[in-house]
Amino acid sequence: MGKEDYTIKCRGLSLLSGGLDSQLAICVLREAGAEVEAVTFETPFFSAATARKAAAALDVKLHVIDFTDDEIALVKAPPHGFGGAMNPCIDCHATMIRRAGELMTNLSYDFVATGEVLNQRPMSQTKQSLGVVEKSSGLLGRLVRPLCAQLLAPTIPEQEGRLDRSKLLALSGRRREPQMELAEKFGLTDYPSPAGGCKLTEKAFGRKLKDLLDHEGLDDRRLVELLTVGRRFRLPDGTGVTLGRDAQENKLLVERRAAAETIVAPISVPGPTALLPRVVSEADLDAAARIVCAWSRTDAFSGDVTVKVVTDGATATRVVPRPYSRDQFLKFQLT
């Protein structure tokens, strides 16, 4: 059934991650009498690519909002704390909904909706958490959860009869069978398997983010974006090192380097490029050079490796004597 087959009684914005639940929410809202546009958010921690693909399949207009500054502020000081890693899920959801609410007001729409299912996630989708999110978002009475709406208090569009509550659902728990049946009903065949999709929920990524927060801080958005690139080290005196894993990452590190930052790269052998946002000591710089050599391809080269060190536009070279062992640096490696 296409969206043109529904009688439009109200208009709403539905958060679309691209996952099955968020796609189903749009289908259910259309069936309940709503004209729907979608909203998604993008940061270095999660992409909008899946949402864009889903929006095209659903034939729904998609608004993409840059959420990076909001997310960084929440990571620095999450009012409701973190989940299992560096993920401020409750505050993140509330802030996304608030941002969507601002767009709702600007467009003179009637509500904001999400694809949340009651009790599907133990931290962010309990009835208490859903209530906290609604209150924190400032959208009391205007936040619709179409997949579990019949288990929650009626919203203003439902009370006004503009959104047919009888067409909304009462899903609860972690079982996926009801959603799979609904997907078949609405003809949804291309959707990702259930997964968070957010790097903040990954403990390994959380360690890198916490390390950056504790040392260089999160005010330089470029450094935050580079968290997804390369291997990361924190040397004894406090110097951070990002080591490229391939030619593409090496090129990116050079391109994204700020003028005062340092690049270390091998000259005499193929190998990785290292970016050092701030060199704390000569000992750390020497260690970074040895890390570059340890991860370079030195097997077919019998001599000592020469590396270049680029800082503030000036280039120097240094010879790093053998041996080159990775073992001594693994204790400094974050990922």
C-alpha atoms as a PDB file:
ATOM      1  CA  MET A   1       0.000   0.000   0.000  1.00  0.00           C
ATOM      2  CA  GLY A   2       1.460   3.365  -0.992  1.00  0.00           C
ATOM      3  CA  LYS A   3       1.372   6.562   1.031  1.00  0.00           C
ATOM      4  CA  GLU A   4      -1.087   8.067  -1.458  1.00  0.00           C
ATOM      5  CA  ASP A   5      -3.707   5.527  -0.332  1.00  0.00           C
ATOM      6  CA  TYR A   6      -4.074   7.039   3.141  1.00  0.00           C
ATOM      7  CA  THR A   7      -6.417   9.838   4.190  1.00  0.00           C
ATOM      8  CA  ILE A   8      -4.248  12.618   5.644  1.00  0.00           C
ATOM      9  CA  LYS A   9      -5.520  14.063   8.939  1.00  0.00           C
ATOM     10  CA  CYS A  10      -2.271  15.340  10.494  1.00  0.00           C
ATOM     11  CA  ARG A  11       1.397  15.769   9.724  1.00  0.00           C
ATOM     12  CA  GLY A  12       4.401  14.511  11.655  1.00  0.00           C
ATOM     13  CA  LEU A  13       8.145  14.008  11.650  1.00  0.00           C
ATOM     14  CA  SER A  14       9.418  10.502  12.355  1.00  0.00           C
ATOM     15  CA  LEU A  15      12.980   9.723  13.413  1.00  0.00           C
ATOM     16  CA  LEU A  16      14.500   7.360  10.844  1.00  0.00           C
ATOM     17  CA  SER A  17      17.678   5.424  11.553  1.00  0.00           C
ATOM     18  CA  GLY A  18      17.060   3.089   8.639  1.00  0.00           C
ATOM     19  CA  GLY A  19      16.467   0.106  10.912  1.00  0.00           C
ATOM     20  CA  LEU A  20      13.311  -1.956  10.662  1.00  0.00           C
ATOM     21  CA  ASP A  21      11.519  -0.381  13.635  1.00  0.00           C
ATOM     22  CA  SER A  22      11.999   3.150  12.343  1.00  0.00           C
ATOM     23  CA  GLN A  23      10.758   2.122   8.900  1.00  0.00           C
ATOM     24  CA  LEU A  24       7.712   0.399  10.385  1.00  0.00           C
ATOM     25  CA  ALA A  25       6.904   3.501  12.429  1.00  0.00           C
ATOM     26  CA  ILE A  26       6.500   5.510   9.225  1.00  0.00           C
ATOM     27  CA  CYS A  27       4.294   2.836   7.655  1.00  0.00           C
ATOM     28  CA  VAL A  28       2.059   2.616  10.748  1.00  0.00           C
ATOM     29  CA  LEU A  29       1.746   6.403  10.990  1.00  0.00           C
ATOM     30  CA  ARG A  30       0.661   6.637   7.363  1.00  0.00           C
ATOM     31  CA  GLU A  31      -1.962   3.980   7.960  1.00  0.00           C
ATOM     32  CA  ALA A  32      -3.189   5.913  11.033  1.00  0.00           C
ATOM     33  CA  GLY A  33      -3.835   9.031   8.953  1.00  0.00           C
ATOM     34  CA  ALA A  34      -0.579  11.003   9.077  1.00  0.00           C
ATOM     35  CA  GLU A  35       1.498  12.635   6.403  1.00  0.00           C
ATOM     36  CA  VAL A  36       5.065  11.843   7.418  1.00  0.00           C
ATOM     37  CA  GLU A  37       8.490  13.268   6.756  1.00  0.00           C
ATOM     38  CA  ALA A  38      11.600  11.661   8.219  1.00  0.00           C
ATOM     39  CA  VAL A  39      14.441  13.059  10.314  1.00  0.00           C
ATOM     40  CA  THR A  40      17.859  11.510  10.818  1.00  0.00           C
ATOM     41  CA  PHE A  41      21.027  12.622  12.557  1.00  0.00           C
ATOM     42  CA  GLU A  42      24.671  12.350  11.550  1.00  0.00           C
ATOM     43  CA  THR A  43      27.907  12.510  13.571  1.00  0.00           C
ATOM     44  CA  PRO A  44      31.369  10.891  13.357  1.00  0.00           C
ATOM     45  CA  PHE A  45      29.870   8.221  15.636  1.00  0.00           C
ATOM     46  CA  PHE A  46      27.011   7.178  13.326  1.00  0.00           C
ATOM     47  CA  SER A  47      26.253   7.663   9.658  1.00  0.00           C
ATOM     48  CA  ALA A  48      23.049   8.707   7.879  1.00  0.00           C
ATOM     49  CA  ALA A  49      23.709   6.368   4.937  1.00  0.00           C
ATOM     50  CA  THR A  50      21.267   3.670   6.055  1.00  0.00           C
ATOM     51  CA  ALA A  51      18.579   6.272   6.719  1.00  0.00           C
ATOM     52  CA  ARG A  52      19.051   7.788   3.268  1.00  0.00           C
ATOM     53  CA  LYS A  53      18.635   4.373   1.672  1.00  0.00           C
ATOM     54  CA  ALA A  54      15.505   3.617   3.719  1.00  0.00           C
ATOM     55  CA  ALA A  55      13.976   7.027   2.966  1.00  0.00           C
ATOM     56  CA  ALA A  56      14.375   6.426  -0.751  1.00  0.00           C
ATOM     57  CA  ALA A  57      12.710   3.011  -0.463  1.00  0.00           C
ATOM     58  CA  LEU A  58       9.826   4.449   1.597  1.00  0.00           C
ATOM     59  CA  ASP A  59       9.474   7.472  -0.704  1.00  0.00           C
ATOM     60  CA  VAL A  60       9.614   9.824   2.268  1.00  0.00           C
ATOM     61  CA  LYS A  61      11.308  13.207   2.442  1.00  0.00           C
ATOM     62  CA  LEU A  62      14.353  13.055   4.704  1.00  0.00           C
ATOM     63  CA  HIS A  63      15.810  15.881   6.793  1.00  0.00           C
ATOM     64  CA  VAL A  64      19.461  15.222   7.787  1.00  0.00           C
ATOM     65  CA  ILE A  65      20.652  17.120  10.873  1.00  0.00           C
ATOM     66  CA  ASP A  66      24.313  17.461  11.849  1.00  0.00           C
ATOM     67  CA  PHE A  67      24.299  16.289  15.467  1.00  0.00           C
ATOM     68  CA  THR A  68      28.033  16.363  16.192  1.00  0.00           C
ATOM     69  CA  ASP A  69      28.157  19.382  18.508  1.00  0.00           C
ATOM     70  CA  ASP A  70      25.120  18.111  20.448  1.00  0.00           C
ATOM     71  CA  GLU A  71      26.678  14.668  20.886  1.00  0.00           C
ATOM     72  CA  ILE A  72      30.044  16.019  22.000  1.00  0.00           C
ATOM     73  CA  ALA A  73      28.347  18.192  24.619  1.00  0.00           C
ATOM     74  CA  LEU A  74      26.463  15.150  25.922  1.00  0.00           C
ATOM     75  CA  VAL A  75      29.618  13.005  26.049  1.00  0.00           C
ATOM     76  CA  LYS A  76      31.324  15.703  28.123  1.00  0.00           C
ATOM     77  CA  ALA A  77      28.474  15.894  30.640  1.00  0.00           C
ATOM     78  CA  PRO A  78      25.567  13.442  30.227  1.00  0.00           C
ATOM     79  CA  PRO A  79      22.751  14.410  32.668  1.00  0.00           C
ATOM     80  CA  HIS A  80      21.528  10.803  32.882  1.00  0.00           C
ATOM     81  CA  GLY A  81      24.916   9.097  32.609  1.00  0.00           C
ATOM     82  CA  PHE A  82      26.309   6.539  30.201  1.00  0.00           C
ATOM     83  CA  GLY A  83      25.260   3.082  29.137  1.00  0.00           C
ATOM     84  CA  GLY A  84      27.779   0.248  28.959  1.00  0.00           C
ATOM     85  CA  ALA A  85      30.369   2.404  27.181  1.00  0.00           C
ATOM     86  CA  MET A  86      30.581   6.134  26.335  1.00  0.00           C
ATOM     87  CA  ASN A  87      26.969   6.175  25.154  1.00  0.00           C
ATOM     88  CA  PRO A  88      24.638   8.775  26.744  1.00  0.00           C
ATOM     89  CA  CYS A  89      21.595   7.041  25.225  1.00  0.00           C
ATOM     90  CA  ILE A  90      18.788   8.637  27.235  1.00  0.00           C
ATOM     91  CA  ASP A  91      20.107  12.164  26.799  1.00  0.00           C
ATOM     92  CA  CYS A  92      20.980  11.497  23.166  1.00  0.00           C
ATOM     93  CA  HIS A  93      17.424  10.377  22.377  1.00  0.00           C
ATOM     94  CA  ALA A  94      15.936  13.318  24.240  1.00  0.00           C
ATOM     95  CA  THR A  95      18.161  15.805  22.439  1.00  0.00           C
ATOM     96  CA  MET A  96      17.425  14.283  19.044  1.00  0.00           C
ATOM     97  CA  ILE A  97      13.723  14.500  19.749  1.00  0.00           C
ATOM     98  CA  ARG A  98      14.085  18.089  20.929  1.00  0.00           C
ATOM     99  CA  ARG A  99      15.935  18.982  17.727  1.00  0.00           C
ATOM    100  CA  ALA A 100      13.231  17.245  15.699  1.00  0.00           C
ATOM    101  CA  GLY A 101      10.667  19.175  17.746  1.00  0.00           C
ATOM    102  CA  GLU A 102      12.265  22.450  16.696  1.00  0.00           C
ATOM    103  CA  LEU A 103      11.880  21.378  13.074  1.00  0.00           C
ATOM    104  CA  MET A 104       8.293  20.302  13.779  1.00  0.00           C
ATOM    105  CA  THR A 105       7.507  23.795  15.063  1.00  0.00           C
ATOM    106  CA  ASN A 106       9.176  25.466  12.096  1.00  0.00           C
ATOM    107  CA  LEU A 107       7.153  23.341   9.675  1.00  0.00           C
ATOM    108  CA  SER A 108       3.897  23.721  11.686  1.00  0.00           C
ATOM    109  CA  TYR A 109       3.623  19.937  11.978  1.00  0.00           C
ATOM    110  CA  ASP A 110       1.646  18.160  14.698  1.00  0.00           C
ATOM    111  CA  PHE A 111       4.002  15.643  16.319  1.00  0.00           C
ATOM    112  CA  VAL A 112       7.361  13.895  16.397  1.00  0.00           C
ATOM    113  CA  ALA A 113       7.496  10.096  16.298  1.00  0.00           C
ATOM    114  CA  THR A 114      10.084   7.411  16.979  1.00  0.00           C
ATOM    115  CA  GLY A 115      10.285   3.684  16.263  1.00  0.00           C
ATOM    116  CA  GLU A 116      10.890   2.782  19.903  1.00  0.00           C
ATOM    117  CA  VAL A 117       9.341  -0.381  21.324  1.00  0.00           C
ATOM    118  CA  LEU A 118       8.534  -0.562  25.017  1.00  0.00           C
ATOM    119  CA  ASN A 119      11.048  -2.719  26.956  1.00  0.00           C
ATOM    120  CA  GLN A 120      13.073  -3.577  23.857  1.00  0.00           C
ATOM    121  CA  ARG A 121      16.228  -2.054  25.355  1.00  0.00           C
ATOM    122  CA  PRO A 122      16.903  -2.355  29.079  1.00  0.00           C
ATOM    123  CA  MET A 123      18.261   1.168  29.600  1.00  0.00           C
ATOM    124  CA  SER A 124      16.585   3.489  27.125  1.00  0.00           C
ATOM    125  CA  GLN A 125      13.195   1.908  26.393  1.00  0.00           C
ATOM    126  CA  THR A 126      11.640   1.141  29.749  1.00  0.00           C
ATOM    127  CA  LYS A 127       8.432   3.035  30.481  1.00  0.00           C
ATOM    128  CA  GLN A 128      10.339   5.224  32.938  1.00  0.00           C
ATOM    129  CA  SER A 129      13.064   5.998  30.389  1.00  0.00           C
ATOM    130  CA  LEU A 130      10.531   6.790  27.675  1.00  0.00           C
ATOM    131  CA  GLY A 131       8.884   9.204  30.087  1.00  0.00           C
ATOM    132  CA  VAL A 132      12.195  10.847  30.977  1.00  0.00           C
ATOM    133  CA  VAL A 133      12.998  11.305  27.296  1.00  0.00           C
ATOM    134  CA  GLU A 134       9.603  12.838  26.568  1.00  0.00           C
ATOM    135  CA  LYS A 135       9.882  15.255  29.475  1.00  0.00           C
ATOM    136  CA  SER A 136      13.498  16.171  28.703  1.00  0.00           C
ATOM    137  CA  SER A 137      12.698  16.775  25.039  1.00  0.00           C
ATOM    138  CA  GLY A 138      10.019  19.350  25.818  1.00  0.00           C
ATOM    139  CA  LEU A 139       7.466  17.528  23.642  1.00  0.00           C
ATOM    140  CA  LEU A 140       4.931  16.431  26.240  1.00  0.00           C
ATOM    141  CA  GLY A 141       1.870  15.170  24.405  1.00  0.00           C
ATOM    142  CA  ARG A 142       3.508  15.593  21.003  1.00  0.00           C
ATOM    143  CA  LEU A 143       5.818  12.566  21.034  1.00  0.00           C
ATOM    144  CA  VAL A 144       4.254   9.519  19.375  1.00  0.00           C
ATOM    145  CA  ARG A 145       5.632   5.972  19.611  1.00  0.00           C
ATOM    146  CA  PRO A 146       3.437   4.249  17.007  1.00  0.00           C
ATOM    147  CA  LEU A 147       4.817   0.746  17.599  1.00  0.00           C
ATOM    148  CA  CYS A 148       3.861   0.737  21.289  1.00  0.00           C
ATOM    149  CA  ALA A 149       1.417   3.666  21.533  1.00  0.00           C
ATOM    150  CA  GLN A 150      -1.463   1.586  22.882  1.00  0.00           C
ATOM    151  CA  LEU A 151       0.651   0.742  25.933  1.00  0.00           C
ATOM    152  CA  LEU A 152       1.273   4.440  26.632  1.00  0.00           C
ATOM    153  CA  ALA A 153      -0.941   7.423  27.421  1.00  0.00           C
ATOM    154  CA  PRO A 154      -2.713   8.921  24.366  1.00  0.00           C
ATOM    155  CA  THR A 155      -0.893  11.828  22.762  1.00  0.00           C
ATOM    156  CA  ILE A 156      -2.548  15.085  21.714  1.00  0.00           C
ATOM    157  CA  PRO A 157      -3.017  14.063  18.037  1.00  0.00           C
ATOM    158  CA  GLU A 158      -4.685  10.855  19.250  1.00  0.00           C
ATOM    159  CA  GLN A 159      -6.903  12.710  21.725  1.00  0.00           C
ATOM    160  CA  GLU A 160      -7.967  15.095  18.983  1.00  0.00           C
ATOM    161  CA  GLY A 161      -8.877  12.178  16.720  1.00  0.00           C
ATOM    162  CA  ARG A 162      -6.419  13.260  14.068  1.00  0.00           C
ATOM    163  CA  LEU A 163      -4.223  10.199  14.536  1.00  0.00           C
ATOM    164  CA  ASP A 164      -6.203   6.959  14.642  1.00  0.00           C
ATOM    165  CA  ARG A 165      -5.133   5.270  17.895  1.00  0.00           C
ATOM    166  CA  SER A 166      -6.794   2.017  16.837  1.00  0.00           C
ATOM    167  CA  LYS A 167      -4.268   1.750  13.986  1.00  0.00           C
ATOM    168  CA  LEU A 168      -1.306   2.214  16.332  1.00  0.00           C
ATOM    169  CA  LEU A 169       0.328  -0.821  17.924  1.00  0.00           C
ATOM    170  CA  ALA A 170       1.065  -2.395  21.313  1.00  0.00           C
ATOM    171  CA  LEU A 171       4.456  -4.018  20.813  1.00  0.00           C
ATOM    172  CA  SER A 172       6.604  -4.750  23.843  1.00  0.00           C
ATOM    173  CA  GLY A 173       9.759  -6.699  24.579  1.00  0.00           C
ATOM    174  CA  ARG A 174      12.704  -7.942  22.543  1.00  0.00           C
ATOM    175  CA  ARG A 175      10.917 -10.463  20.293  1.00  0.00           C
ATOM    176  CA  ARG A 176      11.352  -9.574  16.617  1.00  0.00           C
ATOM    177  CA  GLU A 177       8.655 -11.824  15.137  1.00  0.00           C
ATOM    178  CA  PRO A 178       5.892  -9.164  15.248  1.00  0.00           C
ATOM    179  CA  GLN A 179       8.126  -6.703  13.393  1.00  0.00           C
ATOM    180  CA  MET A 180       9.016  -9.334  10.796  1.00  0.00           C
ATOM    181  CA  GLU A 181       5.321  -9.987  10.178  1.00  0.00           C
ATOM    182  CA  LEU A 182       4.671  -6.263   9.838  1.00  0.00           C
ATOM    183  CA  ALA A 183       7.573  -5.948   7.414  1.00  0.00           C
ATOM    184  CA  GLU A 184       5.937  -8.549   5.211  1.00  0.00           C
ATOM    185  CA  LYS A 185       2.579  -6.750   5.462  1.00  0.00           C
ATOM    186  CA  PHE A 186       4.078  -3.412   4.397  1.00  0.00           C
ATOM    187  CA  GLY A 187       6.355  -4.943   1.755  1.00  0.00           C
ATOM    188  CA  LEU A 188       9.599  -4.064   3.510  1.00  0.00           C
ATOM    189  CA  THR A 189      12.283  -6.458   2.298  1.00  0.00           C
ATOM    190  CA  ASP A 190      15.545  -4.524   2.564  1.00  0.00           C
ATOM    191  CA  TYR A 191      16.493  -3.619   6.119  1.00  0.00           C
ATOM    192  CA  PRO A 192      19.555  -4.188   8.320  1.00  0.00           C
ATOM    193  CA  SER A 193      19.703  -6.763  11.087  1.00  0.00           C
ATOM    194  CA  PRO A 194      19.133  -5.328  14.579  1.00  0.00           C
ATOM    195  CA  ALA A 195      22.232  -3.491  15.769  1.00  0.00           C
ATOM    196  CA  GLY A 196      23.068  -0.275  17.524  1.00  0.00           C
ATOM    197  CA  GLY A 197      25.021   1.247  14.650  1.00  0.00           C
ATOM    198  CA  CYS A 198      26.535   3.802  17.033  1.00  0.00           C
ATOM    199  CA  LYS A 199      30.240   3.668  17.811  1.00  0.00           C
ATOM    200  CA  LEU A 200      29.607   5.193  21.243  1.00  0.00           C
ATOM    201  CA  THR A 201      28.130   1.848  22.323  1.00  0.00           C
ATOM    202  CA  GLU A 202      31.401   0.046  21.451  1.00  0.00           C
ATOM    203  CA  LYS A 203      33.733  -0.287  24.431  1.00  0.00           C
ATOM    204  CA  ALA A 204      36.889  -0.215  22.287  1.00  0.00           C
ATOM    205  CA  PHE A 205      35.819   3.031  20.651  1.00  0.00           C
ATOM    206  CA  GLY A 206      34.803   4.361  24.062  1.00  0.00           C
ATOM    207  CA  ARG A 207      38.375   3.898  25.306  1.00  0.00           C
ATOM    208  CA  LYS A 208      39.695   6.033  22.435  1.00  0.00           C
ATOM    209  CA  LEU A 209      37.082   8.703  23.025  1.00  0.00           C
ATOM    210  CA  LYS A 210      37.746   8.809  26.783  1.00  0.00           C
ATOM    211  CA  ASP A 211      41.476   9.055  26.104  1.00  0.00           C
ATOM    212  CA  LEU A 212      40.948  12.011  23.762  1.00  0.00           C
ATOM    213  CA  LEU A 213      38.623  13.666  26.283  1.00  0.00           C
ATOM    214  CA  ASP A 214      41.226  13.295  29.046  1.00  0.00           C
ATOM    215  CA  HIS A 215      44.158  14.621  26.994  1.00  0.00           C
ATOM    216  CA  GLU A 216      43.509  16.808  23.934  1.00  0.00           C
ATOM    217  CA  GLY A 217      39.837  17.309  24.783  1.00  0.00           C
ATOM    218  CA  LEU A 218      36.839  17.234  22.454  1.00  0.00           C
ATOM    219  CA  ASP A 219      36.713  20.879  21.377  1.00  0.00           C
ATOM    220  CA  ASP A 220      38.637  20.219  18.151  1.00  0.00           C
ATOM    221  CA  ARG A 221      36.001  18.530  16.021  1.00  0.00           C
ATOM    222  CA  ARG A 222      38.662  17.396  13.550  1.00  0.00           C
ATOM    223  CA  LEU A 223      40.344  15.259  16.220  1.00  0.00           C
ATOM    224  CA  VAL A 224      37.001  13.747  17.149  1.00  0.00           C
ATOM    225  CA  GLU A 225      36.367  12.835  13.521  1.00  0.00           C
ATOM    226  CA  LEU A 226      39.821  11.232  13.299  1.00  0.00           C
ATOM    227  CA  LEU A 227      38.927   8.778  16.085  1.00  0.00           C
ATOM    228  CA  THR A 228      37.660   6.412  13.383  1.00  0.00           C
ATOM    229  CA  VAL A 229      41.052   6.424  11.647  1.00  0.00           C
ATOM    230  CA  GLY A 230      44.127   4.324  12.353  1.00  0.00           C
ATOM    231  CA  ARG A 231      45.667   2.648  15.381  1.00  0.00           C
ATOM    232  CA  ARG A 232      45.845   4.771  18.541  1.00  0.00           C
ATOM    233  CA  PHE A 233      48.629   5.006  21.105  1.00  0.00           C
ATOM    234  CA  ARG A 234      49.167   7.096  24.250  1.00  0.00           C
ATOM    235  CA  LEU A 235      52.881   7.335  25.033  1.00  0.00           C
ATOM    236  CA  PRO A 236      54.402   7.520  28.554  1.00  0.00           C
ATOM    237  CA  ASP A 237      54.762  11.315  28.739  1.00  0.00           C
ATOM    238  CA  GLY A 238      51.288  11.899  27.300  1.00  0.00           C
ATOM    239  CA  THR A 239      51.805  12.251  23.541  1.00  0.00           C
ATOM    240  CA  GLY A 240      48.982  10.797  21.459  1.00  0.00           C
ATOM    241  CA  VAL A 241      49.758   8.936  18.228  1.00  0.00           C
ATOM    242  CA  THR A 242      47.406   7.998  15.400  1.00  0.00           C
ATOM    243  CA  LEU A 243      49.050   5.481  13.068  1.00  0.00           C
ATOM    244  CA  GLY A 244      47.621   4.990   9.578  1.00  0.00           C
ATOM    245  CA  ARG A 245      46.697   1.428   8.624  1.00  0.00           C
ATOM    246  CA  ASP A 246      46.872   1.827   4.842  1.00  0.00           C
ATOM    247  CA  ALA A 247      47.744   4.328   2.111  1.00  0.00           C
ATOM    248  CA  GLN A 248      44.311   5.931   2.245  1.00  0.00           C
ATOM    249  CA  GLU A 249      44.531   6.561   5.992  1.00  0.00           C
ATOM    250  CA  ASN A 250      48.115   7.844   5.652  1.00  0.00           C
ATOM    251  CA  LYS A 251      46.930  10.355   3.061  1.00  0.00           C
ATOM    252  CA  LEU A 252      43.999  11.411   5.248  1.00  0.00           C
ATOM    253  CA  LEU A 253      46.232  12.032   8.275  1.00  0.00           C
ATOM    254  CA  VAL A 254      48.495  14.281   6.214  1.00  0.00           C
ATOM    255  CA  GLU A 255      45.549  16.167   4.768  1.00  0.00           C
ATOM    256  CA  ARG A 256      43.839  16.686   8.132  1.00  0.00           C
ATOM    257  CA  ARG A 257      46.965  17.726  10.053  1.00  0.00           C
ATOM    258  CA  ALA A 258      46.829  21.166  11.653  1.00  0.00           C
ATOM    259  CA  ALA A 259      49.895  23.376  11.179  1.00  0.00           C
ATOM    260  CA  ALA A 260      51.241  22.929  14.712  1.00  0.00           C
ATOM    261  CA  GLU A 261      50.802  19.156  14.676  1.00  0.00           C
ATOM    262  CA  THR A 262      53.532  16.666  13.817  1.00  0.00           C
ATOM    263  CA  ILE A 263      53.707  14.049  11.100  1.00  0.00           C
ATOM    264  CA  VAL A 264      56.202  11.183  11.286  1.00  0.00           C
ATOM    265  CA  ALA A 265      56.591   8.938   8.224  1.00  0.00           C
ATOM    266  CA  PRO A 266      59.226   6.536   6.885  1.00  0.00           C
ATOM    267  CA  ILE A 267      61.346   7.584   3.901  1.00  0.00           C
ATOM    268  CA  SER A 268      63.522   4.561   3.193  1.00  0.00           C
ATOM    269  CA  VAL A 269      60.845   1.838   3.466  1.00  0.00           C
ATOM    270  CA  PRO A 270      57.081   1.556   2.874  1.00  0.00           C
ATOM    271  CA  GLY A 271      55.144   2.094   6.078  1.00  0.00           C
ATOM    272  CA  PRO A 272      52.544   4.012   8.044  1.00  0.00           C
ATOM    273  CA  THR A 273      52.220   7.716   8.683  1.00  0.00           C
ATOM    274  CA  ALA A 274      51.795   8.879  12.288  1.00  0.00           C
ATOM    275  CA  LEU A 275      49.977  12.020  13.408  1.00  0.00           C
ATOM    276  CA  LEU A 276      50.902  13.562  16.779  1.00  0.00           C
ATOM    277  CA  PRO A 277      48.532  16.392  17.820  1.00  0.00           C
ATOM    278  CA  ARG A 278      50.989  17.537  20.506  1.00  0.00           C
ATOM    279  CA  VAL A 279      54.529  16.327  21.191  1.00  0.00           C
ATOM    280  CA  VAL A 280      55.033  16.340  24.952  1.00  0.00           C
ATOM    281  CA  SER A 281      58.659  15.230  25.076  1.00  0.00           C
ATOM    282  CA  GLU A 282      61.608  14.261  22.913  1.00  0.00           C
ATOM    283  CA  ALA A 283      61.360  10.762  24.399  1.00  0.00           C
ATOM    284  CA  ASP A 284      57.803  10.466  23.108  1.00  0.00           C
ATOM    285  CA  LEU A 285      58.818  11.723  19.667  1.00  0.00           C
ATOM    286  CA  ASP A 286      61.550   9.093  19.570  1.00  0.00           C
ATOM    287  CA  ALA A 287      59.025   6.435  20.615  1.00  0.00           C
ATOM    288  CA  ALA A 288      56.633   7.575  17.859  1.00  0.00           C
ATOM    289  CA  ALA A 289      59.418   7.226  15.293  1.00  0.00           C
ATOM    290  CA  ARG A 290      60.157   3.719  16.537  1.00  0.00           C
ATOM    291  CA  ILE A 291      56.436   2.835  16.331  1.00  0.00           C
ATOM    292  CA  VAL A 292      56.421   3.961  12.703  1.00  0.00           C
ATOM    293  CA  CYS A 293      59.433   1.730  12.015  1.00  0.00           C
ATOM    294  CA  ALA A 294      57.975  -1.220  13.925  1.00  0.00           C
ATOM    295  CA  TRP A 295      54.837  -1.161  11.767  1.00  0.00           C
ATOM    296  CA  SER A 296      56.771  -0.543   8.515  1.00  0.00           C
ATOM    297  CA  ARG A 297      57.812  -3.217   6.028  1.00  0.00           C
ATOM    298  CA  THR A 298      61.442  -3.594   6.990  1.00  0.00           C
ATOM    299  CA  ASP A 299      61.997  -7.314   6.349  1.00  0.00           C
ATOM    300  CA  ALA A 300      63.536  -6.818   2.914  1.00  0.00           C
ATOM    301  CA  PHE A 301      65.605  -3.836   4.044  1.00  0.00           C
ATOM    302  CA  SER A 302      68.811  -4.429   5.984  1.00  0.00           C
ATOM    303  CA  GLY A 303      69.753  -0.889   6.985  1.00  0.00           C
ATOM    304  CA  ASP A 304      68.421   1.480   9.624  1.00  0.00           C
ATOM    305  CA  VAL A 305      65.229   3.326   8.672  1.00  0.00           C
ATOM    306  CA  THR A 306      65.148   7.049   7.968  1.00  0.00           C
ATOM    307  CA  VAL A 307      61.963   8.885   8.874  1.00  0.00           C
ATOM    308  CA  LYS A 308      60.829  12.436   8.214  1.00  0.00           C
ATOM    309  CA  VAL A 309      59.361  14.621  10.938  1.00  0.00           C
ATOM    310  CA  VAL A 310      57.134  17.476   9.749  1.00  0.00           C
ATOM    311  CA  THR A 311      56.048  20.248  12.161  1.00  0.00           C
ATOM    312  CA  ASP A 312      54.959  23.824  11.459  1.00  0.00           C
ATOM    313  CA  GLY A 313      55.917  23.454   7.818  1.00  0.00           C
ATOM    314  CA  ALA A 314      59.505  22.427   8.630  1.00  0.00           C
ATOM    315  CA  THR A 315      60.777  18.979   7.703  1.00  0.00           C
ATOM    316  CA  ALA A 316      63.628  17.181   9.454  1.00  0.00           C
ATOM    317  CA  THR A 317      64.936  13.662   9.118  1.00  0.00           C
ATOM    318  CA  ARG A 318      66.233  11.207  11.674  1.00  0.00           C
ATOM    319  CA  VAL A 319      67.705   7.742  11.456  1.00  0.00           C
ATOM    320  CA  VAL A 320      66.058   5.166  13.709  1.00  0.00           C
ATOM    321  CA  PRO A 321      68.455   2.291  14.471  1.00  0.00           C
ATOM    322  CA  ARG A 322      67.387  -1.312  14.627  1.00  0.00           C
ATOM    323  CA  PRO A 323      65.875  -3.425  16.136  1.00  0.00           C
ATOM    324  CA  TYR A 324      62.202  -2.647  15.496  1.00  0.00           C
ATOM    325  CA  SER A 325      59.820  -4.505  17.791  1.00  0.00           C
ATOM    326  CA  ARG A 326      56.112  -3.933  18.171  1.00  0.00           C
ATOM    327  CA  ASP A 327      55.959  -5.789  21.478  1.00  0.00           C
ATOM    328  CA  GLN A 328      57.303  -2.928  23.618  1.00  0.00           C
ATOM    329  CA  PHE A 329      54.627  -0.551  22.288  1.00  0.00           C
ATOM    330  CA  LEU A 330      51.546  -2.766  22.574  1.00  0.00           C
ATOM    331  CA  LYS A 331      51.043  -1.669  26.184  1.00  0.00           C
ATOM    332  CA  PHE A 332      50.567   1.901  24.924  1.00  0.00           C
ATOM    333  CA  GLN A 333      48.111   0.914  22.210  1.00  0.00           C
ATOM    334  CA  LEU A 334      44.439   1.782  22.747  1.00  0.00           C
ATOM    335  CA  THR A 335      43.131  -0.021  19.643  1.00  0.00           C
END
